[in-house]
């Protein structure tokens, strides 16, 4: 098992939104839902689940998006309002 160095840093494609993760992912998975297929233009997207308190935006403010999951449940995520990169 690989040890994760913390904090992990990342951001959107244009650099307007930056974040830090202070905890390792709880899980990493491939999502095949219709929304993830639409966002990526692929059969799936690779996602990671992290504790909400471990995600801190250090530059910029994310835009919140909402959608109905394939199950009908309401879901939400964050993206960069400037370039549209999905963050969470």
N, C-alpha and C. Protein backbone atom coordinates (compact mmCIF):
# COMPACT_ATOMS: atom_id res chain seq x y z
N UNK A 1 0.84 -1.17 0.00
CA UNK A 1 0.00 0.00 0.00
C UNK A 1 0.89 1.24 0.00
N UNK A 2 0.55 2.21 -0.83
CA UNK A 2 1.33 3.44 -0.95
C UNK A 2 0.89 4.45 0.10
N UNK A 3 1.84 5.07 0.77
CA UNK A 3 1.53 6.10 1.75
C UNK A 3 1.33 7.43 1.02
N UNK A 4 0.32 8.18 1.44
CA UNK A 4 -0.01 9.47 0.84
C UNK A 4 0.64 10.57 1.65
N UNK A 5 1.39 11.47 0.98
CA UNK A 5 1.97 12.63 1.64
C UNK A 5 0.90 13.72 1.73
N UNK A 6 0.75 14.28 2.91
CA UNK A 6 -0.26 15.32 3.12
C UNK A 6 0.40 16.61 3.53
N UNK A 7 -0.16 17.77 3.17
CA UNK A 7 -1.39 17.88 2.39
C UNK A 7 -1.15 17.65 0.91
N UNK A 8 -2.19 17.20 0.22
CA UNK A 8 -2.18 17.10 -1.23
C UNK A 8 -2.74 18.41 -1.77
N UNK A 9 -2.17 18.92 -2.84
CA UNK A 9 -2.61 20.18 -3.42
C UNK A 9 -3.05 19.95 -4.85
N UNK A 10 -4.05 20.72 -5.27
CA UNK A 10 -4.54 20.59 -6.63
C UNK A 10 -5.37 21.78 -7.02
N UNK A 11 -5.97 21.70 -8.18
CA UNK A 11 -6.81 22.79 -8.64
C UNK A 11 -7.37 22.54 -10.01
N UNK A 12 -7.99 23.57 -10.55
CA UNK A 12 -8.64 23.48 -11.85
C UNK A 12 -7.61 23.64 -12.97
N UNK A 13 -8.09 23.52 -14.20
CA UNK A 13 -7.22 23.61 -15.37
C UNK A 13 -6.63 25.00 -15.57
N UNK A 14 -7.38 26.06 -15.23
CA UNK A 14 -6.89 27.42 -15.49
C UNK A 14 -6.14 28.03 -14.29
N UNK A 15 -6.19 27.39 -13.13
CA UNK A 15 -5.47 27.87 -11.96
C UNK A 15 -6.24 28.86 -11.10
N UNK A 16 -7.47 29.21 -11.48
CA UNK A 16 -8.26 30.17 -10.70
C UNK A 16 -8.74 29.57 -9.38
N UNK A 17 -8.83 28.25 -9.30
CA UNK A 17 -9.33 27.57 -8.11
C UNK A 17 -8.27 26.58 -7.64
N UNK A 18 -7.84 26.71 -6.40
CA UNK A 18 -6.82 25.81 -5.83
C UNK A 18 -7.37 25.25 -4.52
N UNK A 19 -6.96 24.02 -4.19
CA UNK A 19 -7.43 23.39 -2.97
C UNK A 19 -6.31 22.58 -2.32
N UNK A 20 -6.53 22.24 -1.05
CA UNK A 20 -5.64 21.35 -0.30
C UNK A 20 -6.49 20.28 0.37
N UNK A 21 -5.97 19.06 0.36
CA UNK A 21 -6.58 17.95 1.08
C UNK A 21 -5.71 17.61 2.27
N UNK A 22 -6.31 17.59 3.46
CA UNK A 22 -5.54 17.31 4.68
C UNK A 22 -5.72 15.89 5.16
N UNK A 23 -6.46 15.07 4.43
CA UNK A 23 -6.65 13.66 4.79
C UNK A 23 -6.61 12.82 3.52
N UNK A 24 -6.17 11.60 3.67
CA UNK A 24 -6.12 10.68 2.54
C UNK A 24 -7.54 10.33 2.09
N UNK A 25 -7.73 9.99 0.83
CA UNK A 25 -9.06 9.57 0.37
C UNK A 25 -9.57 8.36 1.14
N UNK A 26 -10.87 8.35 1.41
CA UNK A 26 -11.49 7.19 2.03
C UNK A 26 -11.63 6.06 1.02
N UNK A 27 -11.87 6.44 -0.23
CA UNK A 27 -11.92 5.47 -1.32
C UNK A 27 -11.72 6.19 -2.65
N UNK A 28 -11.27 5.44 -3.63
CA UNK A 28 -11.12 5.92 -5.00
C UNK A 28 -11.88 4.93 -5.88
N UNK A 29 -12.67 5.45 -6.80
CA UNK A 29 -13.54 4.57 -7.57
C UNK A 29 -13.81 5.15 -8.95
N UNK A 30 -14.30 4.33 -9.84
CA UNK A 30 -14.77 4.76 -11.15
C UNK A 30 -16.28 4.88 -11.10
N UNK A 31 -16.80 6.03 -11.49
CA UNK A 31 -18.24 6.25 -11.52
C UNK A 31 -18.72 6.20 -12.97
N UNK A 32 -19.75 5.42 -13.21
CA UNK A 32 -20.29 5.24 -14.56
C UNK A 32 -21.66 5.87 -14.72
N UNK A 33 -22.07 6.76 -13.79
CA UNK A 33 -23.40 7.37 -13.88
C UNK A 33 -23.49 8.27 -15.12
N UNK A 34 -24.72 8.57 -15.52
CA UNK A 34 -24.94 9.39 -16.72
C UNK A 34 -24.32 10.77 -16.58
N UNK A 35 -24.38 11.37 -15.38
CA UNK A 35 -23.81 12.70 -15.18
C UNK A 35 -22.29 12.68 -15.37
N UNK A 36 -21.61 11.71 -14.79
CA UNK A 36 -20.16 11.63 -14.95
C UNK A 36 -19.77 11.35 -16.40
N UNK A 37 -20.56 10.55 -17.10
CA UNK A 37 -20.29 10.31 -18.51
C UNK A 37 -20.46 11.60 -19.32
N UNK A 38 -21.46 12.39 -18.98
CA UNK A 38 -21.70 13.66 -19.68
C UNK A 38 -20.56 14.64 -19.43
N UNK A 39 -20.11 14.74 -18.18
CA UNK A 39 -19.04 15.68 -17.84
C UNK A 39 -17.73 15.33 -18.54
N UNK A 40 -17.40 14.04 -18.59
CA UNK A 40 -16.10 13.63 -19.13
C UNK A 40 -16.13 13.28 -20.62
N UNK A 41 -17.31 12.99 -21.16
CA UNK A 41 -17.38 12.53 -22.54
C UNK A 41 -16.80 11.13 -22.66
N UNK A 42 -16.82 10.38 -21.58
CA UNK A 42 -16.23 9.04 -21.52
C UNK A 42 -17.23 8.08 -20.88
N UNK A 43 -16.82 6.85 -20.71
CA UNK A 43 -17.68 5.85 -20.08
C UNK A 43 -17.69 5.97 -18.56
N UNK A 44 -16.73 6.70 -17.99
CA UNK A 44 -16.65 6.82 -16.54
C UNK A 44 -15.76 7.99 -16.16
N UNK A 45 -15.73 8.31 -14.88
CA UNK A 45 -14.78 9.26 -14.33
C UNK A 45 -14.16 8.63 -13.08
N UNK A 46 -12.92 8.95 -12.80
CA UNK A 46 -12.27 8.48 -11.58
C UNK A 46 -12.54 9.50 -10.49
N UNK A 47 -13.09 9.05 -9.38
CA UNK A 47 -13.47 9.93 -8.28
C UNK A 47 -12.83 9.45 -6.99
N UNK A 48 -12.74 10.36 -6.03
CA UNK A 48 -12.23 10.03 -4.70
C UNK A 48 -13.17 10.62 -3.66
N UNK A 49 -13.41 9.89 -2.61
CA UNK A 49 -14.22 10.36 -1.50
C UNK A 49 -13.28 10.78 -0.38
N UNK A 50 -13.44 12.03 0.09
CA UNK A 50 -12.63 12.54 1.20
C UNK A 50 -13.57 13.17 2.22
N UNK A 51 -13.17 13.20 3.49
CA UNK A 51 -13.99 13.89 4.48
C UNK A 51 -14.15 15.36 4.09
N UNK A 52 -15.36 15.89 4.19
CA UNK A 52 -15.62 17.28 3.77
C UNK A 52 -14.72 18.26 4.51
N UNK A 53 -14.46 18.01 5.79
CA UNK A 53 -13.61 18.91 6.59
C UNK A 53 -12.16 18.89 6.11
N UNK A 54 -11.76 17.87 5.34
CA UNK A 54 -10.38 17.75 4.87
C UNK A 54 -10.13 18.51 3.56
N UNK A 55 -11.19 19.03 2.93
CA UNK A 55 -11.07 19.77 1.67
C UNK A 55 -11.18 21.26 1.96
N UNK A 56 -10.10 21.99 1.65
CA UNK A 56 -10.08 23.43 1.90
C UNK A 56 -9.69 24.15 0.60
N UNK A 57 -10.52 25.10 0.18
CA UNK A 57 -10.19 25.90 -0.99
C UNK A 57 -9.28 27.04 -0.54
N UNK A 58 -8.10 27.14 -1.15
CA UNK A 58 -7.11 28.14 -0.75
C UNK A 58 -7.00 29.29 -1.74
N UNK A 59 -7.64 29.14 -2.90
CA UNK A 59 -7.68 30.23 -3.89
C UNK A 59 -8.97 30.10 -4.68
N UNK A 60 -9.68 31.19 -4.79
CA UNK A 60 -10.91 31.20 -5.55
C UNK A 60 -12.08 30.63 -4.76
N UNK A 61 -13.26 30.77 -5.33
CA UNK A 61 -14.48 30.24 -4.73
C UNK A 61 -15.14 29.33 -5.76
N UNK A 62 -15.40 28.06 -5.41
CA UNK A 62 -16.01 27.15 -6.38
C UNK A 62 -17.47 27.50 -6.65
N UNK A 63 -17.91 27.17 -7.84
CA UNK A 63 -19.32 27.27 -8.19
C UNK A 63 -19.97 25.93 -7.84
N UNK A 64 -21.17 25.98 -7.29
CA UNK A 64 -21.88 24.76 -6.89
C UNK A 64 -22.86 24.38 -8.00
N UNK A 65 -22.86 23.10 -8.36
CA UNK A 65 -23.82 22.59 -9.34
C UNK A 65 -24.66 21.50 -8.67
N UNK A 66 -25.90 21.37 -9.09
CA UNK A 66 -26.78 20.33 -8.57
C UNK A 66 -27.38 19.55 -9.73
N UNK A 67 -27.68 18.28 -9.51
CA UNK A 67 -28.31 17.44 -10.51
C UNK A 67 -29.03 16.29 -9.80
N UNK A 68 -29.85 15.60 -10.54
CA UNK A 68 -30.51 14.40 -10.03
C UNK A 68 -29.68 13.20 -10.46
N UNK A 69 -29.33 12.37 -9.49
CA UNK A 69 -28.58 11.14 -9.78
C UNK A 69 -29.49 10.17 -10.53
N UNK A 70 -28.89 9.13 -11.11
CA UNK A 70 -29.67 8.11 -11.80
C UNK A 70 -30.74 7.52 -10.88
N UNK A 71 -30.48 7.51 -9.56
CA UNK A 71 -31.42 6.99 -8.58
C UNK A 71 -32.58 7.95 -8.31
N UNK A 72 -32.44 9.21 -8.77
CA UNK A 72 -33.44 10.23 -8.50
C UNK A 72 -33.06 11.12 -7.32
N UNK A 73 -32.03 10.74 -6.56
CA UNK A 73 -31.59 11.55 -5.43
C UNK A 73 -30.88 12.81 -5.90
N UNK A 74 -31.04 13.90 -5.14
CA UNK A 74 -30.33 15.15 -5.43
C UNK A 74 -28.85 14.98 -5.10
N UNK A 75 -27.99 15.47 -5.96
CA UNK A 75 -26.53 15.44 -5.76
C UNK A 75 -26.00 16.83 -6.01
N UNK A 76 -24.79 17.12 -5.51
CA UNK A 76 -24.16 18.40 -5.80
C UNK A 76 -22.67 18.20 -5.96
N UNK A 77 -22.04 19.16 -6.60
CA UNK A 77 -20.60 19.13 -6.78
C UNK A 77 -20.10 20.56 -6.96
N UNK A 78 -18.78 20.69 -7.01
CA UNK A 78 -18.14 21.99 -7.18
C UNK A 78 -17.31 22.00 -8.44
N UNK A 79 -17.29 23.15 -9.11
CA UNK A 79 -16.45 23.30 -10.29
C UNK A 79 -15.90 24.72 -10.31
N UNK A 80 -14.92 24.92 -11.15
CA UNK A 80 -14.35 26.26 -11.33
C UNK A 80 -15.33 27.05 -12.20
N UNK A 81 -15.71 28.23 -11.71
CA UNK A 81 -16.62 29.07 -12.48
C UNK A 81 -15.97 29.68 -13.71
N UNK A 82 -14.64 29.71 -13.75
CA UNK A 82 -13.93 30.30 -14.88
C UNK A 82 -13.73 29.32 -16.03
N UNK A 83 -13.25 28.10 -15.73
CA UNK A 83 -12.93 27.15 -16.80
C UNK A 83 -13.86 25.93 -16.83
N UNK A 84 -14.66 25.73 -15.78
CA UNK A 84 -15.60 24.62 -15.76
C UNK A 84 -15.03 23.30 -15.29
N UNK A 85 -13.76 23.27 -14.87
CA UNK A 85 -13.18 22.02 -14.39
C UNK A 85 -13.93 21.54 -13.14
N UNK A 86 -14.31 20.27 -13.12
CA UNK A 86 -14.99 19.69 -11.96
C UNK A 86 -13.96 19.43 -10.88
N UNK A 87 -14.24 19.86 -9.65
CA UNK A 87 -13.32 19.69 -8.53
C UNK A 87 -13.85 18.64 -7.56
N UNK A 88 -15.11 18.74 -7.18
CA UNK A 88 -15.67 17.81 -6.19
C UNK A 88 -17.12 17.56 -6.49
